[in-house]
N, C-alpha and C. Protein backbone atom coordinates (compact mmCIF):
# COMPACT_ATOMS: atom_id res chain seq x y z
N UNK A 1 11.42 -5.94 21.31
CA UNK A 1 10.57 -5.33 20.30
C UNK A 1 9.21 -5.08 20.92
N UNK A 2 8.21 -4.86 20.13
CA UNK A 2 6.85 -4.64 20.62
C UNK A 2 5.86 -4.91 19.53
N UNK A 3 4.61 -4.68 19.84
CA UNK A 3 3.56 -4.90 18.87
C UNK A 3 3.46 -3.71 17.93
N UNK A 4 3.54 -3.98 16.64
CA UNK A 4 3.39 -2.93 15.64
C UNK A 4 1.93 -2.76 15.24
N UNK A 5 1.23 -3.89 15.08
CA UNK A 5 -0.14 -3.86 14.60
C UNK A 5 -0.95 -4.91 15.34
N UNK A 6 -2.11 -4.51 15.81
CA UNK A 6 -3.00 -5.44 16.50
C UNK A 6 -4.40 -5.28 15.92
N UNK A 7 -4.95 -6.36 15.43
CA UNK A 7 -6.29 -6.36 14.85
C UNK A 7 -7.17 -7.23 15.73
N UNK A 8 -8.32 -6.70 16.09
CA UNK A 8 -9.22 -7.42 16.98
C UNK A 8 -10.62 -7.48 16.39
N UNK A 9 -11.08 -8.71 16.13
CA UNK A 9 -12.44 -9.00 15.66
C UNK A 9 -12.86 -8.10 14.49
N UNK A 10 -12.01 -8.03 13.48
CA UNK A 10 -12.23 -7.15 12.34
C UNK A 10 -13.30 -7.70 11.41
N UNK A 11 -14.24 -6.84 11.04
CA UNK A 11 -15.29 -7.21 10.10
C UNK A 11 -15.45 -6.10 9.07
N UNK A 12 -15.41 -6.50 7.79
CA UNK A 12 -15.63 -5.58 6.68
C UNK A 12 -16.65 -6.24 5.77
N UNK A 13 -17.78 -5.57 5.60
CA UNK A 13 -18.84 -6.09 4.75
C UNK A 13 -19.10 -5.11 3.62
N UNK A 14 -19.49 -5.67 2.49
CA UNK A 14 -19.91 -4.86 1.36
C UNK A 14 -21.35 -5.21 1.04
N UNK A 15 -22.07 -4.24 0.54
CA UNK A 15 -23.50 -4.43 0.25
C UNK A 15 -23.70 -4.29 -1.25
N UNK A 16 -24.23 -5.34 -1.87
CA UNK A 16 -24.39 -5.41 -3.31
C UNK A 16 -25.87 -5.43 -3.66
N UNK A 17 -26.28 -4.58 -4.57
CA UNK A 17 -27.67 -4.56 -5.01
C UNK A 17 -27.95 -5.75 -5.90
N UNK A 18 -29.05 -6.41 -5.62
CA UNK A 18 -29.55 -7.51 -6.45
C UNK A 18 -30.97 -7.14 -6.82
N UNK A 19 -31.16 -6.66 -8.01
CA UNK A 19 -32.49 -6.23 -8.42
C UNK A 19 -32.80 -4.84 -7.88
N UNK A 20 -34.08 -4.50 -7.88
CA UNK A 20 -34.50 -3.16 -7.49
C UNK A 20 -34.58 -3.00 -5.97
N UNK A 21 -35.12 -4.00 -5.28
CA UNK A 21 -35.39 -3.86 -3.85
C UNK A 21 -34.52 -4.71 -2.96
N UNK A 22 -33.61 -5.47 -3.50
CA UNK A 22 -32.86 -6.44 -2.70
C UNK A 22 -31.38 -6.06 -2.63
N UNK A 23 -30.84 -6.16 -1.43
CA UNK A 23 -29.41 -5.94 -1.21
C UNK A 23 -28.84 -7.18 -0.53
N UNK A 24 -27.70 -7.63 -1.01
CA UNK A 24 -27.03 -8.80 -0.45
C UNK A 24 -25.78 -8.35 0.29
N UNK A 25 -25.55 -8.93 1.47
CA UNK A 25 -24.36 -8.61 2.25
C UNK A 25 -23.24 -9.58 1.89
N UNK A 26 -22.10 -9.04 1.51
CA UNK A 26 -20.91 -9.85 1.23
C UNK A 26 -19.95 -9.64 2.39
N UNK A 27 -19.66 -10.70 3.12
CA UNK A 27 -18.76 -10.62 4.26
C UNK A 27 -17.33 -10.85 3.77
N UNK A 28 -16.65 -9.76 3.42
CA UNK A 28 -15.30 -9.86 2.88
C UNK A 28 -14.30 -10.28 3.96
N UNK A 29 -14.42 -9.72 5.15
CA UNK A 29 -13.59 -10.06 6.31
C UNK A 29 -14.57 -10.21 7.46
N UNK A 30 -14.49 -11.33 8.17
CA UNK A 30 -15.49 -11.59 9.20
C UNK A 30 -14.86 -12.16 10.46
N UNK A 31 -14.50 -11.28 11.39
CA UNK A 31 -14.00 -11.71 12.69
C UNK A 31 -12.52 -12.06 12.74
N UNK A 32 -11.70 -11.33 12.01
CA UNK A 32 -10.26 -11.61 11.98
C UNK A 32 -9.56 -10.89 13.14
N UNK A 33 -8.69 -11.61 13.82
CA UNK A 33 -7.83 -11.03 14.86
C UNK A 33 -6.41 -11.52 14.60
N UNK A 34 -5.45 -10.62 14.71
CA UNK A 34 -4.04 -11.02 14.59
C UNK A 34 -3.16 -9.91 15.14
N UNK A 35 -1.94 -10.30 15.43
CA UNK A 35 -0.96 -9.36 15.96
C UNK A 35 0.31 -9.47 15.13
N UNK A 36 0.89 -8.33 14.79
CA UNK A 36 2.16 -8.29 14.06
C UNK A 36 3.16 -7.56 14.95
N UNK A 37 4.24 -8.25 15.28
CA UNK A 37 5.29 -7.65 16.10
C UNK A 37 6.20 -6.79 15.22
N UNK A 38 6.84 -5.81 15.81
CA UNK A 38 7.80 -4.98 15.08
C UNK A 38 8.88 -5.87 14.48
N UNK A 39 9.20 -5.62 13.21
CA UNK A 39 10.22 -6.39 12.52
C UNK A 39 9.74 -7.71 11.97
N UNK A 40 8.51 -8.07 12.22
CA UNK A 40 7.96 -9.35 11.78
C UNK A 40 7.32 -9.22 10.39
N UNK A 41 7.46 -10.27 9.61
CA UNK A 41 6.80 -10.36 8.32
C UNK A 41 5.80 -11.49 8.41
N UNK A 42 4.57 -11.23 8.02
CA UNK A 42 3.58 -12.30 7.99
C UNK A 42 2.97 -12.38 6.60
N UNK A 43 2.48 -13.56 6.27
CA UNK A 43 1.79 -13.77 5.00
C UNK A 43 0.38 -14.22 5.30
N UNK A 44 -0.57 -13.61 4.64
CA UNK A 44 -1.96 -14.03 4.74
C UNK A 44 -2.23 -14.81 3.46
N UNK A 45 -2.56 -16.07 3.64
CA UNK A 45 -2.72 -16.98 2.51
C UNK A 45 -4.17 -17.44 2.43
N UNK A 46 -4.70 -17.47 1.23
CA UNK A 46 -6.06 -17.95 1.03
C UNK A 46 -6.41 -17.92 -0.44
N UNK A 47 -7.52 -18.53 -0.75
CA UNK A 47 -7.93 -18.59 -2.15
C UNK A 47 -8.40 -17.22 -2.63
N UNK A 48 -8.52 -17.08 -3.92
CA UNK A 48 -8.99 -15.84 -4.52
C UNK A 48 -10.38 -15.51 -3.97
N UNK A 49 -10.58 -14.26 -3.56
CA UNK A 49 -11.87 -13.83 -3.04
C UNK A 49 -12.06 -14.09 -1.56
N UNK A 50 -11.00 -14.51 -0.87
CA UNK A 50 -11.14 -14.84 0.55
C UNK A 50 -10.98 -13.65 1.49
N UNK A 51 -10.70 -12.47 0.95
CA UNK A 51 -10.64 -11.27 1.78
C UNK A 51 -9.24 -10.78 2.13
N UNK A 52 -8.20 -11.35 1.53
CA UNK A 52 -6.83 -10.95 1.85
C UNK A 52 -6.58 -9.47 1.53
N UNK A 53 -6.96 -9.05 0.34
CA UNK A 53 -6.76 -7.66 -0.07
C UNK A 53 -7.58 -6.72 0.80
N UNK A 54 -8.81 -7.08 1.08
CA UNK A 54 -9.67 -6.24 1.92
C UNK A 54 -9.09 -6.11 3.32
N UNK A 55 -8.55 -7.19 3.87
CA UNK A 55 -7.91 -7.15 5.18
C UNK A 55 -6.75 -6.15 5.16
N UNK A 56 -5.90 -6.25 4.15
CA UNK A 56 -4.77 -5.32 4.03
C UNK A 56 -5.22 -3.88 3.90
N UNK A 57 -6.22 -3.63 3.09
CA UNK A 57 -6.75 -2.28 2.91
C UNK A 57 -7.35 -1.75 4.21
N UNK A 58 -8.01 -2.63 4.96
CA UNK A 58 -8.59 -2.21 6.24
C UNK A 58 -7.51 -1.77 7.22
N UNK A 59 -6.36 -2.45 7.22
CA UNK A 59 -5.29 -2.09 8.15
C UNK A 59 -4.65 -0.75 7.79
N UNK A 60 -4.91 -0.26 6.60
CA UNK A 60 -4.43 1.06 6.17
C UNK A 60 -5.54 2.11 6.23
N UNK A 61 -6.69 1.68 6.70
CA UNK A 61 -7.89 2.52 6.77
C UNK A 61 -8.30 3.03 5.40
N UNK A 62 -8.28 2.12 4.44
CA UNK A 62 -8.71 2.43 3.09
C UNK A 62 -10.12 1.91 2.81
N UNK A 63 -10.65 1.08 3.71
CA UNK A 63 -12.04 0.62 3.62
C UNK A 63 -12.70 0.80 4.99
N UNK A 64 -13.99 0.92 4.97
CA UNK A 64 -14.77 1.14 6.19
C UNK A 64 -15.00 -0.18 6.93
N UNK A 65 -14.80 -0.16 8.24
CA UNK A 65 -15.05 -1.34 9.07
C UNK A 65 -16.51 -1.39 9.49
N UNK A 66 -17.02 -2.61 9.63
CA UNK A 66 -18.33 -2.81 10.23
C UNK A 66 -18.16 -2.94 11.74
N UNK A 67 -17.08 -3.61 12.12
CA UNK A 67 -16.80 -3.85 13.54
C UNK A 67 -15.32 -4.16 13.70
N UNK A 68 -14.84 -4.01 14.92
CA UNK A 68 -13.47 -4.36 15.23
C UNK A 68 -12.60 -3.15 15.44
N UNK A 69 -11.36 -3.42 15.77
CA UNK A 69 -10.41 -2.33 15.98
C UNK A 69 -9.05 -2.70 15.42
N UNK A 70 -8.33 -1.66 15.02
CA UNK A 70 -6.99 -1.81 14.47
C UNK A 70 -6.10 -0.84 15.22
N UNK A 71 -5.11 -1.38 15.92
CA UNK A 71 -4.16 -0.55 16.67
C UNK A 71 -2.80 -0.61 15.98
N UNK A 72 -2.25 0.57 15.71
CA UNK A 72 -0.90 0.69 15.15
C UNK A 72 -0.07 1.43 16.18
N UNK A 73 0.99 0.82 16.65
CA UNK A 73 1.80 1.37 17.73
C UNK A 73 0.94 1.79 18.92
N UNK A 74 -0.06 0.97 19.23
CA UNK A 74 -0.91 1.21 20.39
C UNK A 74 -2.01 2.23 20.20
N UNK A 75 -2.15 2.79 19.01
CA UNK A 75 -3.18 3.80 18.76
C UNK A 75 -4.24 3.24 17.81
N UNK A 76 -5.50 3.48 18.12
CA UNK A 76 -6.61 3.03 17.29
C UNK A 76 -6.70 3.90 16.04
N UNK A 77 -6.37 3.33 14.87
CA UNK A 77 -6.33 4.13 13.64
C UNK A 77 -7.72 4.60 13.21
N UNK A 78 -8.77 3.95 13.68
CA UNK A 78 -10.13 4.36 13.32
C UNK A 78 -10.55 5.64 14.03
N UNK A 79 -9.78 6.06 15.01
CA UNK A 79 -10.09 7.29 15.73
C UNK A 79 -9.17 8.44 15.33
N UNK A 80 -8.32 8.22 14.33
CA UNK A 80 -7.38 9.25 13.91
C UNK A 80 -8.11 10.43 13.27
N UNK A 81 -7.62 11.63 13.59
CA UNK A 81 -8.07 12.84 12.89
C UNK A 81 -7.41 12.83 11.51
N UNK A 82 -7.76 13.77 10.66
CA UNK A 82 -7.14 13.84 9.34
C UNK A 82 -5.63 14.02 9.43
N UNK A 83 -5.18 14.88 10.35
CA UNK A 83 -3.74 15.12 10.51
C UNK A 83 -3.03 13.86 11.01
N UNK A 84 -3.66 13.16 11.95
CA UNK A 84 -3.07 11.91 12.47
C UNK A 84 -3.05 10.84 11.38
N UNK A 85 -4.09 10.80 10.57
CA UNK A 85 -4.15 9.83 9.48
C UNK A 85 -3.06 10.09 8.46
N UNK A 86 -2.77 11.36 8.18
CA UNK A 86 -1.69 11.70 7.25
C UNK A 86 -0.34 11.23 7.80
N UNK A 87 -0.10 11.45 9.10
CA UNK A 87 1.15 10.98 9.71
C UNK A 87 1.23 9.45 9.68
N UNK A 88 0.10 8.79 9.94
CA UNK A 88 0.05 7.33 9.88
C UNK A 88 0.39 6.83 8.48
N UNK A 89 -0.15 7.48 7.47
CA UNK A 89 0.07 7.04 6.09
C UNK A 89 1.52 7.26 5.64
N UNK A 90 2.24 8.10 6.35
CA UNK A 90 3.67 8.25 6.07
C UNK A 90 4.41 7.03 6.60
N UNK A 91 3.90 6.44 7.66
CA UNK A 91 4.55 5.30 8.31
C UNK A 91 4.03 3.96 7.81
N UNK A 92 2.92 3.95 7.10
CA UNK A 92 2.28 2.73 6.63
C UNK A 92 1.91 2.90 5.16
N UNK A 93 2.47 2.06 4.31
CA UNK A 93 2.29 2.22 2.87
C UNK A 93 1.81 0.92 2.21
N UNK A 94 1.01 1.06 1.15
CA UNK A 94 0.59 -0.12 0.38
C UNK A 94 1.46 -0.33 -0.84
N UNK A 95 1.57 -1.58 -1.24
CA UNK A 95 2.06 -1.92 -2.58
C UNK A 95 0.89 -2.67 -3.21
N UNK A 96 0.21 -2.03 -4.13
CA UNK A 96 -0.98 -2.62 -4.73
C UNK A 96 -0.61 -3.67 -5.76
N UNK A 97 -1.55 -4.58 -5.97
CA UNK A 97 -1.35 -5.74 -6.82
C UNK A 97 -1.20 -5.39 -8.29
N UNK A 98 -1.96 -4.43 -8.78
CA UNK A 98 -2.02 -4.16 -10.21
C UNK A 98 -1.41 -2.81 -10.56
N UNK A 99 -0.18 -2.82 -11.10
CA UNK A 99 0.47 -1.55 -11.43
C UNK A 99 -0.15 -0.85 -12.63
N UNK A 100 -1.03 -1.54 -13.35
CA UNK A 100 -1.70 -0.89 -14.49
C UNK A 100 -2.79 0.05 -14.01
N UNK A 101 -3.38 -0.23 -12.86
CA UNK A 101 -4.45 0.64 -12.37
C UNK A 101 -4.04 1.47 -11.16
N UNK A 102 -2.91 1.17 -10.56
CA UNK A 102 -2.54 1.87 -9.32
C UNK A 102 -1.56 3.02 -9.52
N UNK A 103 -1.05 3.20 -10.72
CA UNK A 103 -0.17 4.34 -10.97
C UNK A 103 -0.72 5.19 -12.10
N UNK A 104 -0.51 6.49 -12.00
CA UNK A 104 -1.03 7.46 -12.95
C UNK A 104 -0.24 7.38 -14.26
N UNK A 105 -0.90 7.08 -15.38
CA UNK A 105 -0.19 6.94 -16.65
C UNK A 105 0.36 8.24 -17.21
N UNK A 106 -0.04 9.38 -16.64
CA UNK A 106 0.41 10.68 -17.14
C UNK A 106 1.59 11.25 -16.36
N UNK A 107 2.11 10.46 -15.43
CA UNK A 107 3.26 10.90 -14.64
C UNK A 107 4.47 10.04 -14.98
N UNK A 108 5.65 10.63 -14.94
CA UNK A 108 6.87 9.86 -15.16
C UNK A 108 7.16 9.02 -13.92
N UNK A 109 8.04 8.06 -14.05
CA UNK A 109 8.45 7.25 -12.90
C UNK A 109 8.98 8.15 -11.79
N UNK A 110 9.74 9.16 -12.15
CA UNK A 110 10.27 10.11 -11.16
C UNK A 110 9.13 10.79 -10.40
N UNK A 111 8.16 11.31 -11.13
CA UNK A 111 7.04 12.01 -10.50
C UNK A 111 6.22 11.08 -9.61
N UNK A 112 6.04 9.84 -10.05
CA UNK A 112 5.27 8.87 -9.26
C UNK A 112 5.95 8.57 -7.93
N UNK A 113 7.26 8.42 -7.96
CA UNK A 113 8.00 8.11 -6.73
C UNK A 113 8.17 9.36 -5.87
N UNK A 114 8.27 10.52 -6.51
CA UNK A 114 8.44 11.78 -5.77
C UNK A 114 7.15 12.22 -5.07
N UNK A 115 5.99 11.88 -5.62
CA UNK A 115 4.72 12.39 -5.11
C UNK A 115 4.53 12.18 -3.60
N UNK A 116 4.80 10.99 -3.03
CA UNK A 116 4.65 10.85 -1.58
C UNK A 116 5.55 11.80 -0.78
N UNK A 117 6.72 12.09 -1.30
CA UNK A 117 7.63 13.03 -0.62
C UNK A 117 7.04 14.44 -0.61
N UNK A 118 6.42 14.82 -1.72
CA UNK A 118 5.78 16.13 -1.80
C UNK A 118 4.58 16.20 -0.85
N UNK A 119 3.77 15.15 -0.84
CA UNK A 119 2.60 15.13 0.02
C UNK A 119 2.99 15.25 1.49
N UNK A 120 4.11 14.61 1.84
CA UNK A 120 4.53 14.60 3.24
C UNK A 120 5.57 15.66 3.58
N UNK A 121 5.69 16.66 2.72
CA UNK A 121 6.41 17.87 3.08
C UNK A 121 7.92 17.87 2.97
N UNK A 122 8.49 17.02 2.13
CA UNK A 122 9.94 17.09 1.92
C UNK A 122 10.18 18.26 0.97
N UNK A 123 10.68 19.36 1.52
CA UNK A 123 10.79 20.62 0.80
C UNK A 123 11.99 20.69 -0.15
N UNK A 124 13.08 20.10 0.26
CA UNK A 124 14.31 20.22 -0.52
C UNK A 124 14.23 19.40 -1.81
N UNK A 125 14.34 20.11 -2.93
CA UNK A 125 14.32 19.45 -4.24
C UNK A 125 15.48 18.45 -4.37
N UNK A 126 16.66 18.84 -3.87
CA UNK A 126 17.82 17.94 -3.94
C UNK A 126 17.60 16.68 -3.10
N UNK A 127 17.02 16.85 -1.93
CA UNK A 127 16.74 15.70 -1.07
C UNK A 127 15.73 14.77 -1.72
N UNK A 128 14.68 15.34 -2.31
CA UNK A 128 13.69 14.52 -3.00
C UNK A 128 14.32 13.76 -4.15
N UNK A 129 15.16 14.45 -4.93
CA UNK A 129 15.80 13.81 -6.09
C UNK A 129 16.66 12.65 -5.63
N UNK A 130 17.45 12.87 -4.59
CA UNK A 130 18.32 11.81 -4.06
C UNK A 130 17.50 10.61 -3.58
N UNK A 131 16.41 10.88 -2.85
CA UNK A 131 15.58 9.79 -2.33
C UNK A 131 14.88 9.02 -3.45
N UNK A 132 14.40 9.73 -4.48
CA UNK A 132 13.73 9.08 -5.60
C UNK A 132 14.71 8.17 -6.34
N UNK A 133 15.88 8.69 -6.64
CA UNK A 133 16.87 7.88 -7.37
C UNK A 133 17.33 6.68 -6.54
N UNK A 134 17.47 6.85 -5.24
CA UNK A 134 17.83 5.72 -4.37
C UNK A 134 16.73 4.66 -4.37
N UNK A 135 15.48 5.10 -4.31
CA UNK A 135 14.36 4.15 -4.31
C UNK A 135 14.29 3.38 -5.63
N UNK A 136 14.50 4.07 -6.75
CA UNK A 136 14.50 3.39 -8.05
C UNK A 136 15.64 2.38 -8.14
N UNK A 137 16.79 2.76 -7.59
CA UNK A 137 17.93 1.84 -7.60
C UNK A 137 17.68 0.62 -6.71
N UNK A 138 17.03 0.83 -5.55
CA UNK A 138 16.73 -0.28 -4.64
C UNK A 138 15.87 -1.35 -5.30
N UNK A 139 14.98 -0.92 -6.19
CA UNK A 139 14.10 -1.88 -6.84
C UNK A 139 14.65 -2.34 -8.20
N UNK A 140 15.93 -2.08 -8.40
CA UNK A 140 16.66 -2.55 -9.58
C UNK A 140 16.20 -1.93 -10.90
N UNK A 141 15.75 -0.69 -10.85
CA UNK A 141 15.50 0.06 -12.08
C UNK A 141 16.74 0.91 -12.32
N UNK A 142 17.73 0.28 -12.94
CA UNK A 142 19.04 0.91 -13.12
C UNK A 142 19.40 1.02 -14.60
N UNK A 143 20.05 2.10 -14.95
CA UNK A 143 20.39 3.23 -14.10
C UNK A 143 19.14 4.04 -13.77
N UNK A 144 19.02 4.48 -12.53
CA UNK A 144 17.80 5.17 -12.11
C UNK A 144 17.51 6.45 -12.88
N UNK A 145 18.55 7.15 -13.31
CA UNK A 145 18.33 8.39 -14.06
C UNK A 145 17.66 8.11 -15.40
N UNK A 146 17.92 6.95 -15.97
CA UNK A 146 17.29 6.57 -17.25
C UNK A 146 15.80 6.23 -17.04
N UNK A 147 15.50 5.50 -15.99
CA UNK A 147 14.11 5.10 -15.73
C UNK A 147 13.27 6.26 -15.20
N UNK A 148 13.88 7.22 -14.56
CA UNK A 148 13.15 8.33 -13.94
C UNK A 148 12.30 9.10 -14.94
N UNK A 149 12.75 9.23 -16.16
CA UNK A 149 12.03 10.04 -17.16
C UNK A 149 11.01 9.25 -17.96
N UNK A 150 10.88 7.96 -17.70
CA UNK A 150 9.97 7.12 -18.48
C UNK A 150 8.54 7.19 -17.94
N UNK A 151 7.61 7.11 -18.87
CA UNK A 151 6.18 7.03 -18.53
C UNK A 151 5.78 5.56 -18.44
N UNK A 152 4.73 5.27 -17.67
CA UNK A 152 4.32 3.88 -17.47
C UNK A 152 4.09 3.09 -18.77
N UNK A 153 3.54 3.72 -19.80
CA UNK A 153 3.27 2.98 -21.04
C UNK A 153 4.54 2.49 -21.72
N UNK A 154 5.70 3.05 -21.36
CA UNK A 154 6.96 2.62 -21.96
C UNK A 154 7.65 1.54 -21.12
N UNK A 155 7.04 1.15 -20.01
CA UNK A 155 7.63 0.17 -19.11
C UNK A 155 6.89 -1.16 -19.21
N UNK A 156 7.60 -2.25 -18.95
CA UNK A 156 6.95 -3.56 -18.89
C UNK A 156 6.12 -3.63 -17.61
N UNK A 157 5.27 -4.63 -17.50
CA UNK A 157 4.47 -4.81 -16.29
C UNK A 157 5.34 -4.95 -15.06
N UNK A 158 6.44 -5.67 -15.18
CA UNK A 158 7.35 -5.83 -14.06
C UNK A 158 8.03 -4.53 -13.66
N UNK A 159 8.39 -3.73 -14.65
CA UNK A 159 9.01 -2.44 -14.36
C UNK A 159 8.00 -1.49 -13.72
N UNK A 160 6.75 -1.54 -14.15
CA UNK A 160 5.71 -0.72 -13.52
C UNK A 160 5.55 -1.12 -12.06
N UNK A 161 5.58 -2.45 -11.81
CA UNK A 161 5.43 -2.91 -10.43
C UNK A 161 6.61 -2.44 -9.60
N UNK A 162 7.79 -2.41 -10.16
CA UNK A 162 8.97 -1.91 -9.44
C UNK A 162 8.81 -0.42 -9.11
N UNK A 163 8.22 0.34 -10.01
CA UNK A 163 7.95 1.76 -9.73
C UNK A 163 6.98 1.86 -8.55
N UNK A 164 5.95 1.00 -8.54
CA UNK A 164 4.99 1.00 -7.42
C UNK A 164 5.68 0.66 -6.11
N UNK A 165 6.59 -0.29 -6.15
CA UNK A 165 7.32 -0.67 -4.94
C UNK A 165 8.22 0.47 -4.48
N UNK A 166 8.91 1.11 -5.43
CA UNK A 166 9.78 2.25 -5.09
C UNK A 166 8.95 3.38 -4.48
N UNK A 167 7.77 3.60 -5.02
CA UNK A 167 6.87 4.64 -4.50
C UNK A 167 6.50 4.35 -3.04
N UNK A 168 6.30 3.10 -2.71
CA UNK A 168 5.97 2.73 -1.33
C UNK A 168 7.18 2.81 -0.41
N UNK A 169 8.34 2.49 -0.91
CA UNK A 169 9.55 2.47 -0.09
C UNK A 169 10.18 3.83 0.15
N UNK A 170 9.89 4.81 -0.72
CA UNK A 170 10.58 6.10 -0.67
C UNK A 170 10.39 6.82 0.67
N UNK A 171 9.27 6.59 1.35
CA UNK A 171 9.04 7.23 2.64
C UNK A 171 9.65 6.46 3.81
N UNK A 172 10.27 5.33 3.52
CA UNK A 172 10.86 4.46 4.54
C UNK A 172 9.81 4.10 5.61
N UNK A 173 8.70 3.49 5.19
CA UNK A 173 7.62 3.19 6.13
C UNK A 173 8.00 2.08 7.11
N UNK A 174 7.30 2.07 8.23
CA UNK A 174 7.50 1.04 9.24
C UNK A 174 6.61 -0.16 8.97
N UNK A 175 5.54 0.05 8.24
CA UNK A 175 4.56 -1.00 7.97
C UNK A 175 4.18 -0.95 6.50
N UNK A 176 4.27 -2.09 5.82
CA UNK A 176 3.94 -2.18 4.41
C UNK A 176 2.93 -3.29 4.21
N UNK A 177 1.85 -2.98 3.51
CA UNK A 177 0.89 -3.99 3.08
C UNK A 177 1.22 -4.28 1.63
N UNK A 178 1.76 -5.45 1.38
CA UNK A 178 2.17 -5.83 0.03
C UNK A 178 1.18 -6.85 -0.51
N UNK A 179 0.33 -6.40 -1.43
CA UNK A 179 -0.71 -7.24 -2.01
C UNK A 179 -0.18 -7.86 -3.30
N UNK A 180 0.37 -9.07 -3.17
CA UNK A 180 0.99 -9.78 -4.29
C UNK A 180 1.98 -8.86 -5.03
N UNK A 181 2.95 -8.32 -4.32
CA UNK A 181 3.81 -7.28 -4.89
C UNK A 181 4.75 -7.75 -5.99
N UNK A 182 5.01 -9.03 -6.07
CA UNK A 182 5.96 -9.50 -7.09
C UNK A 182 5.28 -10.34 -8.16
N UNK A 183 3.96 -10.33 -8.22
CA UNK A 183 3.24 -11.14 -9.20
C UNK A 183 3.55 -10.74 -10.63
N UNK A 184 3.95 -9.50 -10.85
CA UNK A 184 4.22 -9.04 -12.22
C UNK A 184 5.71 -8.76 -12.47
N UNK A 185 6.54 -9.03 -11.50
CA UNK A 185 7.97 -8.74 -11.67
C UNK A 185 8.55 -9.66 -12.74
N UNK A 186 9.35 -9.08 -13.63
CA UNK A 186 9.98 -9.85 -14.69
C UNK A 186 10.92 -10.88 -14.09
N UNK A 187 10.83 -12.11 -14.55
CA UNK A 187 11.65 -13.20 -14.02
C UNK A 187 13.14 -12.98 -14.29
N UNK A 188 13.47 -12.29 -15.38
CA UNK A 188 14.87 -12.10 -15.74
C UNK A 188 15.56 -11.01 -14.96
N UNK A 189 14.78 -10.18 -14.26
CA UNK A 189 15.36 -9.02 -13.57
C UNK A 189 16.00 -9.40 -12.26
């Protein structure tokens, strides 16, 4: 195998206004280094507010770094052009923690799962339909044809989270950042 992801001395800071003239620096991630081998699953464990989500977002280039580097398949993602970043995002997907805020309430489950395929140029309507229904079935939203037409407000929190997971899996990514992906999954499912 080989190295899929390499993080070196990663720092992500946020700046919060305190009053009119004062800004406070919040060090969300401060000097993290780690390596993830292809096929490896790792868990980042820590208390609430310790920077786990920010670290995951940084590895997808969803937040700005203060310092450090992130290499995916040997390439520095911070130097990617827009076209390279789009190709990277096809290979690296997030599963966000909160399905109430991470999915569009005006789209059906089918549209939510289909959207990444449209963004990444899957032209064939039949191919998209097949991939969407397979993704819904993989996450146990069965029968998938029944769930495909539902809007988020008609789904339980666990079912919404399953739609989010299906949305991430539909592109068959090589790298997934799963931010507490099963925290809302229904226990009975």
